Amino acid sequence: MGIVDDESMKEFQIELIESLIDNQLFDEALPFLERMMKKYNDPYFIYLKGKVYYLTGKFKQTIEELTSVIAMDSDFWKAYELLGETYRLTNSTELAETYYFKATSLNPQAIQSWLGRGKVAMLRREFQIAVLCFETYLRNKKNDSEVWRLLARNYKELENHTSAIDAYNEAIDIDPINQLFYEELGDLFQVIGREDLAQQKYLEGLQVEEKTRPIKKELYHKLARLYLTKKNNQKAFNISNELLALLKDDPEATFLSGKALIRLGQRYEGITRIKRAIKKDPQVEYEEFLKNVDRELFSPR
């Protein structure tokens, strides 16, 4: 009876410590863990201590604690997984891959390890391996929109554009107010020559902004450049001016609106804007465009 009670008490203590960790009460969790480690010869308490160190960015101590867990229990897959995360965050990718692989060997459902393996493969530009890892992760965690985005980016690198588009659309379905998804999908459509669909996605991203109000200036920039490419100069001016109403001194919008004005025949106002953009951000593109405008103005007719 006493053994059963002691086990029940231990489980209760574990749940309590996990609750402290989940609520980021690390200063309270650590002394509690120290007491439990003296009382119980259980590697799980050491693992939790390593987790606290991991969550507080103390990676050297994390490695020490988790290594001792593995010394006590070589099948403790969660310790391998967290070691993989720790080594990945400290840019030791070979060690990270080793520990992730060990975790998935012990437990094929170790989904964070599959995610970590995918991120390591992506860093190494091993895009096919990354795809396999991210797909394995998503079979277990289908509603992670950010990983759908990572999957899309790897498909894009492999020039599997259809699958990339599908993955971006999955991400948008899960998180329809994330402007980055619309932006990257629009970029992909530009890559494959579908400027009409790129324009649509950039516009959808701006419509999302109306609901959420974070200003994602890159969407305005890309849409304005797309309009300029298609010689929709008035639309390019309008969308650039719309951004300038929100971000008065944005140099890219100032430049693009100036370029549109010149094309619309308002040369003086356009040149004034481009000079203002150069003063804010002297990019080569802005300066070269202004030089070309001057050459056209003073060249013999």
C-alpha atoms as a PDB file:
ATOM      1  CA  MET A   1       0.000   0.000   0.000  1.00  0.00           C
ATOM      2  CA  GLY A   2       2.858   2.366   0.929  1.00  0.00           C
ATOM      3  CA  ILE A   3       4.604   1.726  -2.416  1.00  0.00           C
ATOM      4  CA  VAL A   4       1.437   2.553  -4.327  1.00  0.00           C
ATOM      5  CA  ASP A   5       0.996   5.728  -2.288  1.00  0.00           C
ATOM      6  CA  ASP A   6       4.618   6.732  -2.905  1.00  0.00           C
ATOM      7  CA  GLU A   7       4.233   6.201  -6.652  1.00  0.00           C
ATOM      8  CA  SER A   8       1.031   8.233  -6.654  1.00  0.00           C
ATOM      9  CA  MET A   9       2.796  10.990  -4.749  1.00  0.00           C
ATOM     10  CA  LYS A  10       5.662  10.961  -7.229  1.00  0.00           C
ATOM     11  CA  GLU A  11       3.242  11.298 -10.150  1.00  0.00           C
ATOM     12  CA  PHE A  12       1.563  14.178  -8.355  1.00  0.00           C
ATOM     13  CA  GLN A  13       4.929  15.896  -7.839  1.00  0.00           C
ATOM     14  CA  ILE A  14       5.783  15.446 -11.529  1.00  0.00           C
ATOM     15  CA  GLU A  15       2.486  16.980 -12.600  1.00  0.00           C
ATOM     16  CA  LEU A  16       3.040  19.884 -10.248  1.00  0.00           C
ATOM     17  CA  ILE A  17       6.547  20.565 -11.556  1.00  0.00           C
ATOM     18  CA  GLU A  18       5.368  20.281 -15.165  1.00  0.00           C
ATOM     19  CA  SER A  19       2.654  22.808 -14.383  1.00  0.00           C
ATOM     20  CA  LEU A  20       5.260  25.211 -12.970  1.00  0.00           C
ATOM     21  CA  ILE A  21       7.371  24.793 -16.105  1.00  0.00           C
ATOM     22  CA  ASP A  22       4.384  25.254 -18.430  1.00  0.00           C
ATOM     23  CA  ASN A  23       3.584  28.498 -16.618  1.00  0.00           C
ATOM     24  CA  GLN A  24       7.238  29.596 -16.874  1.00  0.00           C
ATOM     25  CA  LEU A  25       7.701  29.629 -13.103  1.00  0.00           C
ATOM     26  CA  PHE A  26      11.252  28.401 -13.449  1.00  0.00           C
ATOM     27  CA  ASP A  27      12.602  29.859 -10.195  1.00  0.00           C
ATOM     28  CA  GLU A  28       9.981  27.882  -8.309  1.00  0.00           C
ATOM     29  CA  ALA A  29      10.480  24.720 -10.378  1.00  0.00           C
ATOM     30  CA  LEU A  30      14.265  24.381  -9.914  1.00  0.00           C
ATOM     31  CA  PRO A  31      14.434  24.062  -6.080  1.00  0.00           C
ATOM     32  CA  PHE A  32      11.403  21.782  -6.189  1.00  0.00           C
ATOM     33  CA  LEU A  33      13.256  19.583  -8.697  1.00  0.00           C
ATOM     34  CA  GLU A  34      16.381  19.522  -6.533  1.00  0.00           C
ATOM     35  CA  ARG A  35      14.357  18.152  -3.624  1.00  0.00           C
ATOM     36  CA  MET A  36      12.675  15.511  -5.799  1.00  0.00           C
ATOM     37  CA  MET A  37      16.006  14.405  -7.282  1.00  0.00           C
ATOM     38  CA  LYS A  38      17.291  13.728  -3.756  1.00  0.00           C
ATOM     39  CA  LYS A  39      14.167  11.817  -2.873  1.00  0.00           C
ATOM     40  CA  TYR A  40      13.666   9.773  -6.077  1.00  0.00           C
ATOM     41  CA  ASN A  41      16.219   8.046  -8.246  1.00  0.00           C
ATOM     42  CA  ASP A  42      14.182   8.826 -11.362  1.00  0.00           C
ATOM     43  CA  PRO A  43      15.794  10.241 -14.543  1.00  0.00           C
ATOM     44  CA  TYR A  44      12.570  12.053 -15.404  1.00  0.00           C
ATOM     45  CA  PHE A  45      13.254  14.672 -12.728  1.00  0.00           C
ATOM     46  CA  ILE A  46      16.724  15.245 -14.193  1.00  0.00           C
ATOM     47  CA  TYR A  47      15.139  15.534 -17.632  1.00  0.00           C
ATOM     48  CA  LEU A  48      12.764  18.201 -16.321  1.00  0.00           C
ATOM     49  CA  LYS A  49      15.700  20.072 -14.820  1.00  0.00           C
ATOM     50  CA  GLY A  50      17.419  19.954 -18.207  1.00  0.00           C
ATOM     51  CA  LYS A  51      14.196  21.252 -19.768  1.00  0.00           C
ATOM     52  CA  VAL A  52      14.158  24.225 -17.405  1.00  0.00           C
ATOM     53  CA  TYR A  53      17.733  25.053 -18.354  1.00  0.00           C
ATOM     54  CA  TYR A  54      16.812  24.696 -22.041  1.00  0.00           C
ATOM     55  CA  LEU A  55      13.843  27.044 -21.716  1.00  0.00           C
ATOM     56  CA  THR A  56      15.978  29.624 -19.909  1.00  0.00           C
ATOM     57  CA  GLY A  57      18.729  29.471 -22.546  1.00  0.00           C
ATOM     58  CA  LYS A  58      21.341  27.791 -20.322  1.00  0.00           C
ATOM     59  CA  PHE A  59      22.416  25.303 -22.941  1.00  0.00           C
ATOM     60  CA  LYS A  60      25.646  24.108 -21.316  1.00  0.00           C
ATOM     61  CA  GLN A  61      23.717  23.042 -18.192  1.00  0.00           C
ATOM     62  CA  THR A  62      21.007  21.558 -20.438  1.00  0.00           C
ATOM     63  CA  ILE A  63      23.544  19.291 -22.112  1.00  0.00           C
ATOM     64  CA  GLU A  64      25.041  18.230 -18.772  1.00  0.00           C
ATOM     65  CA  GLU A  65      21.677  17.261 -17.284  1.00  0.00           C
ATOM     66  CA  LEU A  66      20.357  15.462 -20.361  1.00  0.00           C
ATOM     67  CA  THR A  67      23.605  13.558 -20.864  1.00  0.00           C
ATOM     68  CA  SER A  68      23.249  12.229 -17.323  1.00  0.00           C
ATOM     69  CA  VAL A  69      19.667  11.187 -18.127  1.00  0.00           C
ATOM     70  CA  ILE A  70      20.877   9.104 -21.059  1.00  0.00           C
ATOM     71  CA  ALA A  71      23.604   7.572 -18.887  1.00  0.00           C
ATOM     72  CA  MET A  72      20.857   6.363 -16.539  1.00  0.00           C
ATOM     73  CA  ASP A  73      18.395   5.331 -19.263  1.00  0.00           C
ATOM     74  CA  SER A  74      19.722   4.892 -22.799  1.00  0.00           C
ATOM     75  CA  ASP A  75      16.153   4.569 -24.163  1.00  0.00           C
ATOM     76  CA  PHE A  76      14.931   7.939 -22.836  1.00  0.00           C
ATOM     77  CA  TRP A  77      13.931   9.347 -26.232  1.00  0.00           C
ATOM     78  CA  LYS A  78      12.743  12.719 -24.914  1.00  0.00           C
ATOM     79  CA  ALA A  79      16.259  13.440 -23.653  1.00  0.00           C
ATOM     80  CA  TYR A  80      17.699  12.727 -27.114  1.00  0.00           C
ATOM     81  CA  GLU A  81      15.070  14.977 -28.678  1.00  0.00           C
ATOM     82  CA  LEU A  82      15.795  17.887 -26.373  1.00  0.00           C
ATOM     83  CA  LEU A  83      19.531  17.433 -26.887  1.00  0.00           C
ATOM     84  CA  GLY A  84      18.884  17.631 -30.624  1.00  0.00           C
ATOM     85  CA  GLU A  85      17.024  20.912 -30.125  1.00  0.00           C
ATOM     86  CA  THR A  86      19.803  22.264 -27.924  1.00  0.00           C
ATOM     87  CA  TYR A  87      22.561  21.410 -30.392  1.00  0.00           C
ATOM     88  CA  ARG A  88      20.549  22.817 -33.322  1.00  0.00           C
ATOM     89  CA  LEU A  89      20.068  26.130 -31.517  1.00  0.00           C
ATOM     90  CA  THR A  90      23.806  26.269 -30.783  1.00  0.00           C
ATOM     91  CA  ASN A  91      24.602  25.567 -34.464  1.00  0.00           C
ATOM     92  CA  SER A  92      26.065  22.107 -33.828  1.00  0.00           C
ATOM     93  CA  THR A  93      24.019  20.599 -36.636  1.00  0.00           C
ATOM     94  CA  GLU A  94      25.841  17.267 -36.878  1.00  0.00           C
ATOM     95  CA  LEU A  95      25.266  16.534 -33.203  1.00  0.00           C
ATOM     96  CA  ALA A  96      21.687  17.776 -33.496  1.00  0.00           C
ATOM     97  CA  GLU A  97      21.021  15.385 -36.369  1.00  0.00           C
ATOM     98  CA  THR A  98      22.559  12.496 -34.418  1.00  0.00           C
ATOM     99  CA  TYR A  99      20.323  13.033 -31.409  1.00  0.00           C
ATOM    100  CA  TYR A 100      17.199  13.678 -33.484  1.00  0.00           C
ATOM    101  CA  PHE A 101      17.841  10.445 -35.372  1.00  0.00           C
ATOM    102  CA  LYS A 102      18.254   8.521 -32.119  1.00  0.00           C
ATOM    103  CA  ALA A 103      14.981   9.956 -30.789  1.00  0.00           C
ATOM    104  CA  THR A 104      13.014   8.960 -33.911  1.00  0.00           C
ATOM    105  CA  SER A 105      14.647   5.515 -33.873  1.00  0.00           C
ATOM    106  CA  LEU A 106      13.397   4.970 -30.336  1.00  0.00           C
ATOM    107  CA  ASN A 107      10.025   6.576 -30.992  1.00  0.00           C
ATOM    108  CA  PRO A 108       8.811   7.158 -34.582  1.00  0.00           C
ATOM    109  CA  GLN A 109       6.174   9.513 -33.108  1.00  0.00           C
ATOM    110  CA  ALA A 110       8.822  11.901 -31.763  1.00  0.00           C
ATOM    111  CA  ILE A 111       7.403  14.676 -33.910  1.00  0.00           C
ATOM    112  CA  GLN A 112       9.625  17.501 -32.638  1.00  0.00           C
ATOM    113  CA  SER A 113      12.607  15.437 -33.738  1.00  0.00           C
ATOM    114  CA  TRP A 114      11.157  15.069 -37.231  1.00  0.00           C
ATOM    115  CA  LEU A 115      10.657  18.827 -37.300  1.00  0.00           C
ATOM    116  CA  GLY A 116      14.205  19.404 -36.079  1.00  0.00           C
ATOM    117  CA  ARG A 117      15.621  16.982 -38.638  1.00  0.00           C
ATOM    118  CA  GLY A 118      13.753  18.893 -41.333  1.00  0.00           C
ATOM    119  CA  LYS A 119      15.169  22.222 -40.198  1.00  0.00           C
ATOM    120  CA  VAL A 120      18.705  20.820 -40.124  1.00  0.00           C
ATOM    121  CA  ALA A 121      18.265  19.358 -43.627  1.00  0.00           C
ATOM    122  CA  MET A 122      16.936  22.705 -44.829  1.00  0.00           C
ATOM    123  CA  LEU A 123      20.033  24.469 -43.480  1.00  0.00           C
ATOM    124  CA  ARG A 124      22.163  22.001 -45.418  1.00  0.00           C
ATOM    125  CA  ARG A 125      20.056  22.554 -48.554  1.00  0.00           C
ATOM    126  CA  GLU A 126      19.053  18.893 -48.484  1.00  0.00           C
ATOM    127  CA  PHE A 127      15.572  19.829 -49.607  1.00  0.00           C
ATOM    128  CA  GLN A 128      14.234  16.356 -50.404  1.00  0.00           C
ATOM    129  CA  ILE A 129      15.159  15.108 -46.934  1.00  0.00           C
ATOM    130  CA  ALA A 130      13.575  18.218 -45.419  1.00  0.00           C
ATOM    131  CA  VAL A 131      10.355  17.523 -47.325  1.00  0.00           C
ATOM    132  CA  LEU A 132      10.203  13.946 -46.002  1.00  0.00           C
ATOM    133  CA  CYS A 133      10.784  15.104 -42.425  1.00  0.00           C
ATOM    134  CA  PHE A 134       8.234  17.919 -42.559  1.00  0.00           C
ATOM    135  CA  GLU A 135       5.639  15.629 -44.152  1.00  0.00           C
ATOM    136  CA  THR A 136       6.182  13.078 -41.378  1.00  0.00           C
ATOM    137  CA  TYR A 137       5.730  15.814 -38.777  1.00  0.00           C
ATOM    138  CA  LEU A 138       2.551  17.106 -40.447  1.00  0.00           C
ATOM    139  CA  ARG A 139       0.979  13.655 -40.480  1.00  0.00           C
ATOM    140  CA  ASN A 140       0.893  13.970 -36.699  1.00  0.00           C
ATOM    141  CA  LYS A 141       0.357  17.710 -36.383  1.00  0.00           C
ATOM    142  CA  LYS A 142      -1.686  18.832 -39.375  1.00  0.00           C
ATOM    143  CA  ASN A 143      -2.615  22.273 -38.059  1.00  0.00           C
ATOM    144  CA  ASP A 144       0.896  23.729 -37.831  1.00  0.00           C
ATOM    145  CA  SER A 145       0.692  26.464 -40.448  1.00  0.00           C
ATOM    146  CA  GLU A 146       4.350  27.471 -40.063  1.00  0.00           C
ATOM    147  CA  VAL A 147       5.549  23.970 -40.967  1.00  0.00           C
ATOM    148  CA  TRP A 148       3.267  23.945 -44.027  1.00  0.00           C
ATOM    149  CA  ARG A 149       5.117  27.132 -45.002  1.00  0.00           C
ATOM    150  CA  LEU A 150       8.495  25.453 -44.476  1.00  0.00           C
ATOM    151  CA  LEU A 151       7.318  22.510 -46.572  1.00  0.00           C
ATOM    152  CA  ALA A 152       6.220  24.905 -49.324  1.00  0.00           C
ATOM    153  CA  ARG A 153       9.612  26.622 -49.341  1.00  0.00           C
ATOM    154  CA  ASN A 154      11.405  23.298 -49.776  1.00  0.00           C
ATOM    155  CA  TYR A 155       9.079  22.236 -52.583  1.00  0.00           C
ATOM    156  CA  LYS A 156       9.831  25.588 -54.215  1.00  0.00           C
ATOM    157  CA  GLU A 157      13.576  24.892 -54.003  1.00  0.00           C
ATOM    158  CA  LEU A 158      12.929  21.503 -55.649  1.00  0.00           C
ATOM    159  CA  GLU A 159      10.916  23.325 -58.362  1.00  0.00           C
ATOM    160  CA  ASN A 160       7.873  21.253 -57.437  1.00  0.00           C
ATOM    161  CA  HIS A 161       5.687  24.321 -57.775  1.00  0.00           C
ATOM    162  CA  THR A 162       2.332  22.541 -57.675  1.00  0.00           C
ATOM    163  CA  SER A 163       3.099  20.964 -54.305  1.00  0.00           C
ATOM    164  CA  ALA A 164       4.500  24.256 -53.035  1.00  0.00           C
ATOM    165  CA  ILE A 165       1.279  26.070 -53.969  1.00  0.00           C
ATOM    166  CA  ASP A 166      -0.780  23.357 -52.252  1.00  0.00           C
ATOM    167  CA  ALA A 167       1.324  23.651 -49.094  1.00  0.00           C
ATOM    168  CA  TYR A 168       0.991  27.451 -49.001  1.00  0.00           C
ATOM    169  CA  ASN A 169      -2.773  27.116 -49.433  1.00  0.00           C
ATOM    170  CA  GLU A 170      -2.864  24.667 -46.513  1.00  0.00           C
ATOM    171  CA  ALA A 171      -1.017  27.236 -44.403  1.00  0.00           C
ATOM    172  CA  ILE A 172      -3.484  29.958 -45.419  1.00  0.00           C
ATOM    173  CA  ASP A 173      -6.469  27.738 -44.631  1.00  0.00           C
ATOM    174  CA  ILE A 174      -5.107  27.188 -41.116  1.00  0.00           C
ATOM    175  CA  ASP A 175      -4.013  30.789 -40.480  1.00  0.00           C
ATOM    176  CA  PRO A 176      -5.877  33.054 -42.922  1.00  0.00           C
ATOM    177  CA  ILE A 177      -4.639  36.308 -41.359  1.00  0.00           C
ATOM    178  CA  ASN A 178      -0.909  35.588 -41.711  1.00  0.00           C
ATOM    179  CA  GLN A 179       0.249  38.043 -44.363  1.00  0.00           C
ATOM    180  CA  LEU A 180       3.577  36.293 -44.876  1.00  0.00           C
ATOM    181  CA  PHE A 181       1.826  33.287 -46.441  1.00  0.00           C
ATOM    182  CA  TYR A 182       0.110  35.468 -49.048  1.00  0.00           C
ATOM    183  CA  GLU A 183       3.350  37.297 -49.754  1.00  0.00           C
ATOM    184  CA  GLU A 184       5.410  34.143 -50.281  1.00  0.00           C
ATOM    185  CA  LEU A 185       2.696  32.525 -52.393  1.00  0.00           C
ATOM    186  CA  GLY A 186       2.576  35.693 -54.484  1.00  0.00           C
ATOM    187  CA  ASP A 187       6.365  35.518 -54.881  1.00  0.00           C
ATOM    188  CA  LEU A 188       6.051  31.923 -56.049  1.00  0.00           C
ATOM    189  CA  PHE A 189       3.460  32.861 -58.648  1.00  0.00           C
ATOM    190  CA  GLN A 190       5.861  35.519 -59.935  1.00  0.00           C
ATOM    191  CA  VAL A 191       8.596  32.894 -60.238  1.00  0.00           C
ATOM    192  CA  ILE A 192       6.389  30.719 -62.461  1.00  0.00           C
ATOM    193  CA  GLY A 193       5.245  33.675 -64.546  1.00  0.00           C
ATOM    194  CA  ARG A 194       1.723  34.006 -63.153  1.00  0.00           C
ATOM    195  CA  GLU A 195       1.760  37.716 -62.386  1.00  0.00           C
ATOM    196  CA  ASP A 196      -2.047  37.772 -62.378  1.00  0.00           C
ATOM    197  CA  LEU A 197      -2.181  35.301 -59.501  1.00  0.00           C
ATOM    198  CA  ALA A 198       0.734  37.030 -57.738  1.00  0.00           C
ATOM    199  CA  GLN A 199      -1.214  40.281 -57.859  1.00  0.00           C
ATOM    200  CA  GLN A 200      -4.271  38.519 -56.457  1.00  0.00           C
ATOM    201  CA  LYS A 201      -2.315  37.090 -53.512  1.00  0.00           C
ATOM    202  CA  TYR A 202      -0.620  40.398 -52.690  1.00  0.00           C
ATOM    203  CA  LEU A 203      -4.037  42.089 -52.708  1.00  0.00           C
ATOM    204  CA  GLU A 204      -5.458  39.374 -50.467  1.00  0.00           C
ATOM    205  CA  GLY A 205      -2.563  39.980 -48.087  1.00  0.00           C
ATOM    206  CA  LEU A 206      -3.453  43.671 -47.954  1.00  0.00           C
ATOM    207  CA  GLN A 207      -7.103  42.824 -47.290  1.00  0.00           C
ATOM    208  CA  VAL A 208      -5.917  40.769 -44.318  1.00  0.00           C
ATOM    209  CA  GLU A 209      -4.048  43.843 -43.107  1.00  0.00           C
ATOM    210  CA  GLU A 210      -7.324  45.728 -42.933  1.00  0.00           C
ATOM    211  CA  LYS A 211      -8.463  43.198 -40.333  1.00  0.00           C
ATOM    212  CA  THR A 212      -5.258  42.884 -38.341  1.00  0.00           C
ATOM    213  CA  ARG A 213      -3.616  46.290 -38.919  1.00  0.00           C
ATOM    214  CA  PRO A 214       0.023  45.254 -38.904  1.00  0.00           C
ATOM    215  CA  ILE A 215       1.564  47.128 -41.820  1.00  0.00           C
ATOM    216  CA  LYS A 216       3.476  44.698 -44.024  1.00  0.00           C
ATOM    217  CA  LYS A 217       5.183  47.163 -46.310  1.00  0.00           C
ATOM    218  CA  GLU A 218       6.724  44.449 -48.485  1.00  0.00           C
ATOM    219  CA  LEU A 219       3.277  43.588 -49.853  1.00  0.00           C
ATOM    220  CA  TYR A 220       2.781  47.192 -50.972  1.00  0.00           C
ATOM    221  CA  HIS A 221       6.256  47.280 -52.525  1.00  0.00           C
ATOM    222  CA  LYS A 222       5.808  44.063 -54.461  1.00  0.00           C
ATOM    223  CA  LEU A 223       2.345  44.982 -55.678  1.00  0.00           C
ATOM    224  CA  ALA A 224       3.543  48.423 -56.826  1.00  0.00           C
ATOM    225  CA  ARG A 225       6.482  46.883 -58.692  1.00  0.00           C
ATOM    226  CA  LEU A 226       4.148  44.377 -60.299  1.00  0.00           C
ATOM    227  CA  TYR A 227       1.860  47.200 -61.456  1.00  0.00           C
ATOM    228  CA  LEU A 228       4.859  49.084 -62.858  1.00  0.00           C
ATOM    229  CA  THR A 229       6.000  45.982 -64.761  1.00  0.00           C
ATOM    230  CA  LYS A 230       2.514  45.713 -66.281  1.00  0.00           C
ATOM    231  CA  LYS A 231       2.525  49.495 -66.990  1.00  0.00           C
ATOM    232  CA  ASN A 232      -0.395  50.042 -64.608  1.00  0.00           C
ATOM    233  CA  ASN A 233       1.272  53.268 -63.514  1.00  0.00           C
ATOM    234  CA  GLN A 234      -1.740  54.848 -61.844  1.00  0.00           C
ATOM    235  CA  LYS A 235      -2.322  51.726 -59.747  1.00  0.00           C
ATOM    236  CA  ALA A 236       1.377  51.644 -58.845  1.00  0.00           C
ATOM    237  CA  PHE A 237       1.156  55.247 -57.693  1.00  0.00           C
ATOM    238  CA  ASN A 238      -2.050  54.651 -55.745  1.00  0.00           C
ATOM    239  CA  ILE A 239      -0.764  51.613 -53.834  1.00  0.00           C
ATOM    240  CA  SER A 240       2.561  53.345 -53.050  1.00  0.00           C
ATOM    241  CA  ASN A 241       0.726  56.454 -51.868  1.00  0.00           C
ATOM    242  CA  GLU A 242      -1.526  54.284 -49.712  1.00  0.00           C
ATOM    243  CA  LEU A 243       1.539  52.965 -47.906  1.00  0.00           C
ATOM    244  CA  LEU A 244       2.975  56.478 -47.572  1.00  0.00           C
ATOM    245  CA  ALA A 245      -0.212  57.511 -45.805  1.00  0.00           C
ATOM    246  CA  LEU A 246       0.614  54.827 -43.219  1.00  0.00           C
ATOM    247  CA  LEU A 247       4.428  55.054 -43.253  1.00  0.00           C
ATOM    248  CA  LYS A 248       5.231  58.604 -44.296  1.00  0.00           C
ATOM    249  CA  ASP A 249       8.978  58.205 -44.782  1.00  0.00           C
ATOM    250  CA  ASP A 250       9.138  54.763 -46.395  1.00  0.00           C
ATOM    251  CA  PRO A 251      11.905  55.192 -49.032  1.00  0.00           C
ATOM    252  CA  GLU A 252      10.828  52.302 -51.276  1.00  0.00           C
ATOM    253  CA  ALA A 253       7.249  53.570 -51.538  1.00  0.00           C
ATOM    254  CA  THR A 254       8.590  57.092 -52.125  1.00  0.00           C
ATOM    255  CA  PHE A 255      10.781  55.833 -54.970  1.00  0.00           C
ATOM    256  CA  LEU A 256       8.071  53.707 -56.568  1.00  0.00           C
ATOM    257  CA  SER A 257       5.499  56.487 -56.385  1.00  0.00           C
ATOM    258  CA  GLY A 258       8.034  58.857 -57.959  1.00  0.00           C
ATOM    259  CA  LYS A 259       8.745  56.391 -60.749  1.00  0.00           C
ATOM    260  CA  ALA A 260       5.014  56.048 -61.409  1.00  0.00           C
ATOM    261  CA  LEU A 261       4.566  59.848 -61.466  1.00  0.00           C
ATOM    262  CA  ILE A 262       7.323  60.236 -64.071  1.00  0.00           C
ATOM    263  CA  ARG A 263       5.629  57.650 -66.247  1.00  0.00           C
ATOM    264  CA  LEU A 264       2.348  59.499 -65.772  1.00  0.00           C
ATOM    265  CA  GLY A 265       4.002  62.668 -67.117  1.00  0.00           C
ATOM    266  CA  GLN A 266       4.497  64.403 -63.767  1.00  0.00           C
ATOM    267  CA  ARG A 267       8.267  64.551 -64.081  1.00  0.00           C
ATOM    268  CA  TYR A 268       9.078  67.293 -61.550  1.00  0.00           C
ATOM    269  CA  GLU A 269       7.025  65.755 -58.724  1.00  0.00           C
ATOM    270  CA  GLY A 270       8.374  62.311 -59.594  1.00  0.00           C
ATOM    271  CA  ILE A 271      12.021  63.437 -59.528  1.00  0.00           C
ATOM    272  CA  THR A 272      11.412  65.252 -56.231  1.00  0.00           C
ATOM    273  CA  ARG A 273      10.126  62.049 -54.684  1.00  0.00           C
ATOM    274  CA  ILE A 274      13.022  59.968 -55.993  1.00  0.00           C
ATOM    275  CA  LYS A 275      15.537  62.459 -54.586  1.00  0.00           C
ATOM    276  CA  ARG A 276      13.732  62.244 -51.262  1.00  0.00           C
ATOM    277  CA  ALA A 277      13.981  58.429 -51.383  1.00  0.00           C
ATOM    278  CA  ILE A 278      17.725  58.629 -52.129  1.00  0.00           C
ATOM    279  CA  LYS A 279      18.220  60.974 -49.189  1.00  0.00           C
ATOM    280  CA  LYS A 280      16.509  58.451 -46.894  1.00  0.00           C
ATOM    281  CA  ASP A 281      18.098  55.334 -48.412  1.00  0.00           C
ATOM    282  CA  PRO A 282      20.761  55.837 -51.131  1.00  0.00           C
ATOM    283  CA  GLN A 283      20.185  52.583 -52.983  1.00  0.00           C
ATOM    284  CA  VAL A 284      21.982  52.038 -56.289  1.00  0.00           C
ATOM    285  CA  GLU A 285      18.678  51.316 -58.060  1.00  0.00           C
ATOM    286  CA  TYR A 286      17.244  54.688 -57.046  1.00  0.00           C
ATOM    287  CA  GLU A 287      20.364  56.611 -58.094  1.00  0.00           C
ATOM    288  CA  GLU A 288      20.655  54.783 -61.424  1.00  0.00           C
ATOM    289  CA  PHE A 289      17.013  55.463 -62.244  1.00  0.00           C
ATOM    290  CA  LEU A 290      17.468  59.163 -61.522  1.00  0.00           C
ATOM    291  CA  LYS A 291      20.590  59.289 -63.737  1.00  0.00           C
ATOM    292  CA  ASN A 292      18.653  57.659 -66.586  1.00  0.00           C
ATOM    293  CA  VAL A 293      15.855  60.209 -66.195  1.00  0.00           C
ATOM    294  CA  ASP A 294      18.447  63.024 -66.411  1.00  0.00           C
ATOM    295  CA  ARG A 295      20.016  61.462 -69.522  1.00  0.00           C
ATOM    296  CA  GLU A 296      16.640  61.251 -71.220  1.00  0.00           C
ATOM    297  CA  LEU A 297      15.888  64.851 -70.280  1.00  0.00           C
ATOM    298  CA  PHE A 298      19.143  66.317 -71.615  1.00  0.00           C
ATOM    299  CA  SER A 299      19.845  63.935 -74.511  1.00  0.00           C
ATOM    300  CA  PRO A 300      19.505  65.428 -78.034  1.00  0.00           C
ATOM    301  CA  ARG A 301      16.179  64.700 -79.667  1.00  0.00           C
END
